[in-house]
Amino acid sequence: MADMDGFREANNFGFGQTSQFDNFHVKGASNYSWGMKDRLSRIFNPKTGRAVMLAFDHGFIMGPTSGLERIDLNIVPLVQYADCIMCTRGILQTSIPANINKPVCLRSDAGSTILTELNRNVLIDIEDAIRYNASAMAIMFSAGDGEQEAITAANLVEAVDMGNRYGIPVMGVTAVGKQMARDSRYFALASRVCAENGASIVKTYYCDGFEKVAAACPVPVVIAGGKKLPEKEALELCYNAVNDGAAGVDMGRNVFQSENPAAMIQAVHAVVHEGLTPEQGFEMFQDLSK
């Protein structure tokens, strides 16, 4: 038993004061388990509620694309500037130091490559996400893609079921099916379906009318960077997205294919978290590039 010598009787019970529980800073997560909230808090900054995710999982369908030839040389130096990294288990265990102390959104499905038909995916065992201490699992959802719509929806549902069991959030990643246009109607549909099926985060694309996409999705939406843009245009994309309701960005090529990737991710971070305008962000990029 504890030594009772010097024991002080409890007397500060806060009578007359209501319990203080601030609303959780991640959209739609107030009723999640403690473990889910903890993992989401690693990804989304508690002060801003936003996240800058660095995506470099492209190799699982593209192989060694430009900027990802050597992860150890091109990506590892950038990780310090990201809030979260998104990658495959193969790259994580071979090329990312375990002492980086950054949350990982683990690509948790795999399948066909750009050489055939995309989005023919199967799930990876959730035990890998647990072993790698993943803060989230990324799963593709391909709305409007024929039979793959049902298959990827089933993958998403199964991943959410497993994630709920172990307290690991799922990020639904919207693919653009052949029958769907890249517009707010499609992205709102795909994002909402991901959330309705239990995804805790949705990754989709910015578009005209994006404020409707974000408003109609009850969980955080982060935008994909998409194809490489000139640096100022990419910063405008970030600025417009967060001002239209996005909870952050999950960028890849617009960072690691930049003229100065380290300067670019720092500028993106400042636009997302500090509210810099695209002009201020681009000026920061230029200053850091000198």
Protein backbone atom coordinates (compact mmCIF):
# COMPACT_ATOMS: atom_id res chain seq x y z
CA MET A 1 0.00 0.00 0.00
CA ALA A 2 1.04 3.61 -0.48
CA ASP A 3 2.66 5.24 2.54
CA MET A 4 -0.02 7.32 4.32
CA ASP A 5 2.50 9.55 6.07
CA GLY A 6 1.97 13.11 4.87
CA PHE A 7 -1.31 12.17 3.17
CA ARG A 8 -3.34 15.28 2.30
CA GLU A 9 -7.11 15.00 2.18
CA ALA A 10 -8.61 15.93 -1.21
CA ASN A 11 -10.55 19.19 -1.00
CA ASN A 12 -10.55 20.84 -4.44
CA PHE A 13 -13.59 19.33 -6.15
CA GLY A 14 -14.64 22.37 -8.15
CA PHE A 15 -18.16 22.47 -6.75
CA GLY A 16 -20.38 24.83 -8.71
CA GLN A 17 -18.24 24.56 -11.85
CA THR A 18 -19.48 22.65 -14.87
CA SER A 19 -17.17 20.10 -16.48
CA GLN A 20 -15.11 21.59 -19.30
CA PHE A 21 -14.85 19.55 -22.46
CA ASP A 22 -13.90 21.60 -25.48
CA ASN A 23 -15.30 20.47 -28.81
CA PHE A 24 -12.82 18.18 -30.56
CA HIS A 25 -10.88 20.01 -33.26
CA VAL A 26 -11.44 17.43 -36.02
CA LYS A 27 -14.74 17.68 -37.86
CA GLY A 28 -17.20 14.89 -37.11
CA ALA A 29 -14.94 13.13 -34.59
CA SER A 30 -16.50 14.18 -31.28
CA ASN A 31 -18.01 10.75 -30.67
CA TYR A 32 -15.00 8.69 -31.73
CA SER A 33 -13.03 6.47 -29.36
CA TRP A 34 -10.01 7.89 -27.53
CA GLY A 35 -7.60 6.01 -29.79
CA MET A 36 -9.22 7.35 -32.95
CA LYS A 37 -9.10 10.88 -31.61
CA ASP A 38 -5.47 10.50 -30.60
CA ARG A 39 -4.48 9.34 -34.07
CA LEU A 40 -6.45 12.12 -35.76
CA SER A 41 -4.78 14.64 -33.44
CA ARG A 42 -1.41 13.50 -34.74
CA ILE A 43 -2.52 14.31 -38.28
CA PHE A 44 -4.58 17.48 -37.76
CA ASN A 45 -2.93 20.29 -35.83
CA PRO A 46 -5.03 20.92 -32.68
CA LYS A 47 -4.45 24.68 -32.97
CA THR A 48 -5.63 25.04 -36.57
CA GLY A 49 -7.60 21.87 -37.20
CA ARG A 50 -5.69 21.52 -40.47
CA ALA A 51 -3.04 19.24 -41.92
CA VAL A 52 -0.30 19.28 -44.54
CA MET A 53 0.17 15.70 -45.67
CA LEU A 54 3.06 14.70 -47.91
CA ALA A 55 1.97 11.97 -50.33
CA PHE A 56 4.58 9.77 -51.99
CA ASP A 57 2.69 6.53 -52.54
CA HIS A 58 2.65 7.05 -56.32
CA GLY A 59 5.11 4.23 -56.94
CA PHE A 60 2.56 1.53 -56.16
CA ILE A 61 0.89 2.26 -59.50
CA MET A 62 3.52 4.33 -61.38
CA GLY A 63 6.86 2.87 -60.34
CA PRO A 64 9.81 5.27 -59.87
CA THR A 65 8.18 8.44 -61.19
CA SER A 66 10.11 11.73 -61.37
CA GLY A 67 11.03 12.97 -57.91
CA LEU A 68 10.57 9.55 -56.31
CA GLU A 69 13.57 7.76 -57.79
CA ARG A 70 15.39 7.82 -54.45
CA ILE A 71 13.10 8.20 -51.44
CA ASP A 72 16.06 8.45 -49.08
CA LEU A 73 17.51 11.40 -51.00
CA ASN A 74 14.39 13.18 -52.28
CA ILE A 75 11.68 12.59 -49.68
CA VAL A 76 13.27 11.98 -46.28
CA PRO A 77 14.65 15.56 -46.07
CA LEU A 78 11.10 16.90 -46.63
CA VAL A 79 9.37 14.85 -43.95
CA GLN A 80 10.31 17.27 -41.16
CA TYR A 81 8.11 19.96 -42.74
CA ALA A 82 4.98 17.78 -43.11
CA ASP A 83 2.29 17.12 -40.51
CA CYS A 84 1.80 13.59 -41.82
CA ILE A 85 3.26 11.33 -44.49
CA MET A 86 1.30 9.07 -46.84
CA CYS A 87 3.14 6.09 -48.28
CA THR A 88 3.12 2.34 -48.83
CA ARG A 89 4.38 -0.24 -46.37
CA GLY A 90 7.27 -1.20 -48.65
CA ILE A 91 8.65 2.34 -48.77
CA LEU A 92 7.98 2.91 -45.08
CA GLN A 93 9.98 -0.09 -43.93
CA THR A 94 12.83 0.28 -46.42
CA SER A 95 13.34 4.01 -46.79
CA ILE A 96 11.79 6.05 -43.95
CA PRO A 97 13.74 6.23 -40.66
CA ALA A 98 11.70 5.03 -37.71
CA ASN A 99 12.84 8.00 -35.61
CA ILE A 100 11.19 10.67 -37.78
CA ASN A 101 8.32 10.81 -35.27
CA LYS A 102 5.69 11.74 -37.86
CA PRO A 103 2.21 10.23 -38.19
CA VAL A 104 1.79 7.83 -41.09
CA CYS A 105 -1.25 7.49 -43.33
CA LEU A 106 -0.53 4.04 -44.70
CA ARG A 107 -1.65 3.14 -48.21
CA SER A 108 -3.63 0.04 -47.30
CA ASP A 109 -4.86 -1.24 -50.63
CA ALA A 110 -2.98 -2.34 -53.72
CA GLY A 111 -3.71 -3.68 -57.16
CA SER A 112 -3.34 -2.79 -60.82
CA THR A 113 -0.87 -0.30 -62.29
CA ILE A 114 -0.98 2.37 -64.99
CA LEU A 115 -0.11 -0.39 -67.49
CA THR A 116 -3.61 -1.85 -67.22
CA GLU A 117 -6.92 -0.77 -65.67
CA LEU A 118 -6.50 1.19 -62.43
CA ASN A 119 -8.37 0.69 -59.16
CA ARG A 120 -8.48 -3.12 -59.30
CA ASN A 121 -7.45 -3.19 -55.66
CA VAL A 122 -7.41 -5.57 -52.73
CA LEU A 123 -6.95 -4.74 -49.05
CA ILE A 124 -3.74 -5.14 -47.10
CA ASP A 125 -3.97 -6.87 -43.71
CA ILE A 126 -4.74 -4.37 -40.95
CA GLU A 127 -2.08 -6.06 -38.82
CA ASP A 128 0.47 -4.25 -40.98
CA ALA A 129 -1.11 -0.89 -40.10
CA ILE A 130 -0.86 -1.87 -36.44
CA ARG A 131 2.74 -3.06 -36.77
CA TYR A 132 3.73 0.19 -38.49
CA ASN A 133 1.89 2.28 -35.88
CA ALA A 134 -0.19 3.92 -38.60
CA SER A 135 -2.27 6.94 -37.67
CA ALA A 136 -4.64 6.29 -40.59
CA MET A 137 -5.21 3.93 -43.50
CA ALA A 138 -5.75 5.23 -47.05
CA ILE A 139 -8.26 3.29 -49.17
CA MET A 140 -9.33 4.05 -52.75
CA PHE A 141 -13.00 4.52 -53.65
CA SER A 142 -13.71 4.58 -57.37
CA ALA A 143 -17.22 5.95 -57.90
CA GLY A 144 -18.64 5.60 -61.39
CA ASP A 145 -16.07 2.98 -62.41
CA GLY A 146 -18.34 0.10 -63.37
CA GLU A 147 -17.90 -3.02 -61.27
CA GLN A 148 -14.93 -1.46 -59.48
CA GLU A 149 -17.27 0.96 -57.73
CA ALA A 150 -18.78 -1.90 -55.72
CA ILE A 151 -15.41 -3.58 -55.14
CA THR A 152 -13.69 -0.43 -53.89
CA ALA A 153 -16.73 0.43 -51.76
CA ALA A 154 -16.51 -3.04 -50.20
CA ASN A 155 -12.78 -2.49 -49.56
CA LEU A 156 -13.57 0.80 -47.86
CA VAL A 157 -16.28 -0.72 -45.66
CA GLU A 158 -14.06 -3.64 -44.65
CA ALA A 159 -11.19 -1.29 -43.81
CA VAL A 160 -13.50 0.87 -41.68
CA ASP A 161 -14.77 -2.22 -39.85
CA MET A 162 -11.21 -3.28 -39.07
CA GLY A 163 -10.13 0.26 -38.25
CA ASN A 164 -12.97 0.73 -35.78
CA ARG A 165 -11.95 -2.49 -34.06
CA TYR A 166 -8.43 -1.19 -33.43
CA GLY A 167 -8.98 2.57 -33.30
CA ILE A 168 -7.37 3.41 -36.66
CA PRO A 169 -9.11 6.01 -38.87
CA VAL A 170 -9.61 5.41 -42.59
CA MET A 171 -9.06 8.03 -45.28
CA GLY A 172 -11.25 7.46 -48.32
CA VAL A 173 -9.38 8.47 -51.48
CA THR A 174 -11.72 9.34 -54.34
CA ALA A 175 -10.71 8.10 -57.78
CA VAL A 176 -12.32 9.55 -60.87
CA GLY A 177 -14.32 6.85 -62.63
CA LYS A 178 -14.74 6.84 -66.38
CA GLN A 179 -18.42 7.72 -66.11
CA MET A 180 -17.95 10.66 -63.76
CA ALA A 181 -16.96 14.24 -64.56
CA ARG A 182 -14.45 16.17 -62.47
CA ASP A 183 -17.00 18.55 -61.00
CA SER A 184 -18.51 19.42 -57.64
CA ARG A 185 -21.47 17.10 -58.17
CA TYR A 186 -19.19 14.09 -58.57
CA PHE A 187 -16.75 15.01 -55.82
CA ALA A 188 -19.60 15.77 -53.42
CA LEU A 189 -21.14 12.37 -54.19
CA ALA A 190 -17.87 10.44 -53.85
CA SER A 191 -16.82 12.28 -50.69
CA ARG A 192 -20.19 11.84 -49.03
CA VAL A 193 -20.27 8.13 -49.88
CA CYS A 194 -16.85 7.69 -48.26
CA ALA A 195 -18.07 9.44 -45.11
CA GLU A 196 -21.39 7.59 -45.07
CA ASN A 197 -19.44 4.32 -45.16
CA GLY A 198 -17.38 5.37 -42.14
CA ALA A 199 -14.29 7.10 -43.48
CA SER A 200 -12.90 9.59 -40.95
CA ILE A 201 -11.07 11.64 -43.61
CA VAL A 202 -11.72 12.11 -47.32
CA LYS A 203 -9.11 12.97 -49.93
CA THR A 204 -10.52 14.47 -53.11
CA TYR A 205 -9.85 17.17 -55.69
CA TYR A 206 -10.50 20.90 -55.63
CA CYS A 207 -13.01 22.15 -58.20
CA ASP A 208 -15.43 24.97 -58.91
CA GLY A 209 -18.08 24.87 -56.21
CA PHE A 210 -15.77 23.07 -53.80
CA GLU A 211 -17.39 24.81 -50.84
CA LYS A 212 -20.44 22.58 -51.47
CA VAL A 213 -18.24 19.47 -51.45
CA ALA A 214 -16.68 20.39 -48.10
CA ALA A 215 -19.94 21.54 -46.51
CA ALA A 216 -21.80 18.36 -47.48
CA CYS A 217 -19.07 16.06 -46.10
CA PRO A 218 -19.37 15.48 -42.33
CA VAL A 219 -15.66 14.62 -41.95
CA PRO A 220 -12.50 16.55 -42.89
CA VAL A 221 -11.72 16.86 -46.58
CA VAL A 222 -8.11 17.21 -47.70
CA ILE A 223 -7.36 18.03 -51.30
CA ALA A 224 -5.06 16.17 -53.64
CA GLY A 225 -2.49 18.26 -55.42
CA GLY A 226 -2.95 16.43 -58.71
CA LYS A 227 -0.64 17.08 -61.63
CA LYS A 228 2.37 19.37 -61.26
CA LEU A 229 1.49 23.07 -61.40
CA PRO A 230 3.71 26.16 -61.35
CA GLU A 231 4.53 26.93 -57.72
CA LYS A 232 2.35 30.02 -57.41
CA GLU A 233 -0.64 28.21 -58.93
CA ALA A 234 -0.17 25.33 -56.50
CA LEU A 235 -0.15 27.79 -53.59
CA GLU A 236 -3.32 29.39 -54.97
CA LEU A 237 -4.87 25.93 -55.02
CA CYS A 238 -4.00 25.44 -51.34
CA TYR A 239 -5.27 28.87 -50.36
CA ASN A 240 -8.56 28.55 -52.23
CA ALA A 241 -9.19 25.06 -50.89
CA VAL A 242 -8.75 25.86 -47.20
CA ASN A 243 -10.77 29.04 -47.58
CA ASP A 244 -13.56 27.00 -49.18
CA GLY A 245 -13.64 24.52 -46.31
CA ALA A 246 -10.83 22.01 -46.85
CA ALA A 247 -9.10 20.80 -43.69
CA GLY A 248 -5.76 20.72 -45.45
CA VAL A 249 -3.86 19.25 -48.36
CA ASP A 250 -2.30 15.91 -49.25
CA MET A 251 0.25 16.95 -51.86
CA GLY A 252 2.84 14.96 -53.73
CA ARG A 253 4.01 16.04 -57.18
CA ASN A 254 3.50 19.74 -56.47
CA VAL A 255 6.05 19.33 -53.70
CA PHE A 256 8.60 16.70 -54.71
CA GLN A 257 8.64 17.81 -58.38
CA SER A 258 9.04 21.47 -57.44
CA GLU A 259 12.17 23.42 -58.35
CA ASN A 260 12.86 23.54 -54.61
CA PRO A 261 10.82 20.89 -52.77
CA ALA A 262 11.92 21.94 -49.27
CA ALA A 263 10.98 25.56 -49.90
CA MET A 264 7.70 24.54 -51.48
CA ILE A 265 6.44 22.37 -48.63
CA GLN A 266 7.31 25.11 -46.14
CA ALA A 267 5.35 27.63 -48.20
CA VAL A 268 2.40 25.25 -48.43
CA HIS A 269 2.54 24.74 -44.66
CA ALA A 270 2.46 28.52 -44.09
CA VAL A 271 -0.53 28.99 -46.42
CA VAL A 272 -2.49 26.18 -44.75
CA HIS A 273 -1.66 26.89 -41.10
CA GLU A 274 -0.74 30.58 -40.98
CA GLY A 275 -3.15 31.95 -43.57
CA LEU A 276 -0.54 33.37 -45.93
CA THR A 277 -1.94 34.53 -49.25
CA PRO A 278 -0.64 32.87 -52.43
CA GLU A 279 1.46 35.96 -53.07
CA GLN A 280 2.98 35.83 -49.59
CA GLY A 281 3.51 32.10 -49.90
CA PHE A 282 5.24 32.47 -53.25
CA GLU A 283 7.45 35.22 -51.84
CA MET A 284 8.37 32.86 -49.01
CA PHE A 285 9.14 30.14 -51.54
CA GLN A 286 11.42 32.48 -53.47
CA ASP A 287 13.20 33.67 -50.31
CA LEU A 288 13.82 30.10 -49.16
CA SER A 289 15.08 29.19 -52.64
CA LYS A 290 17.85 31.81 -52.61
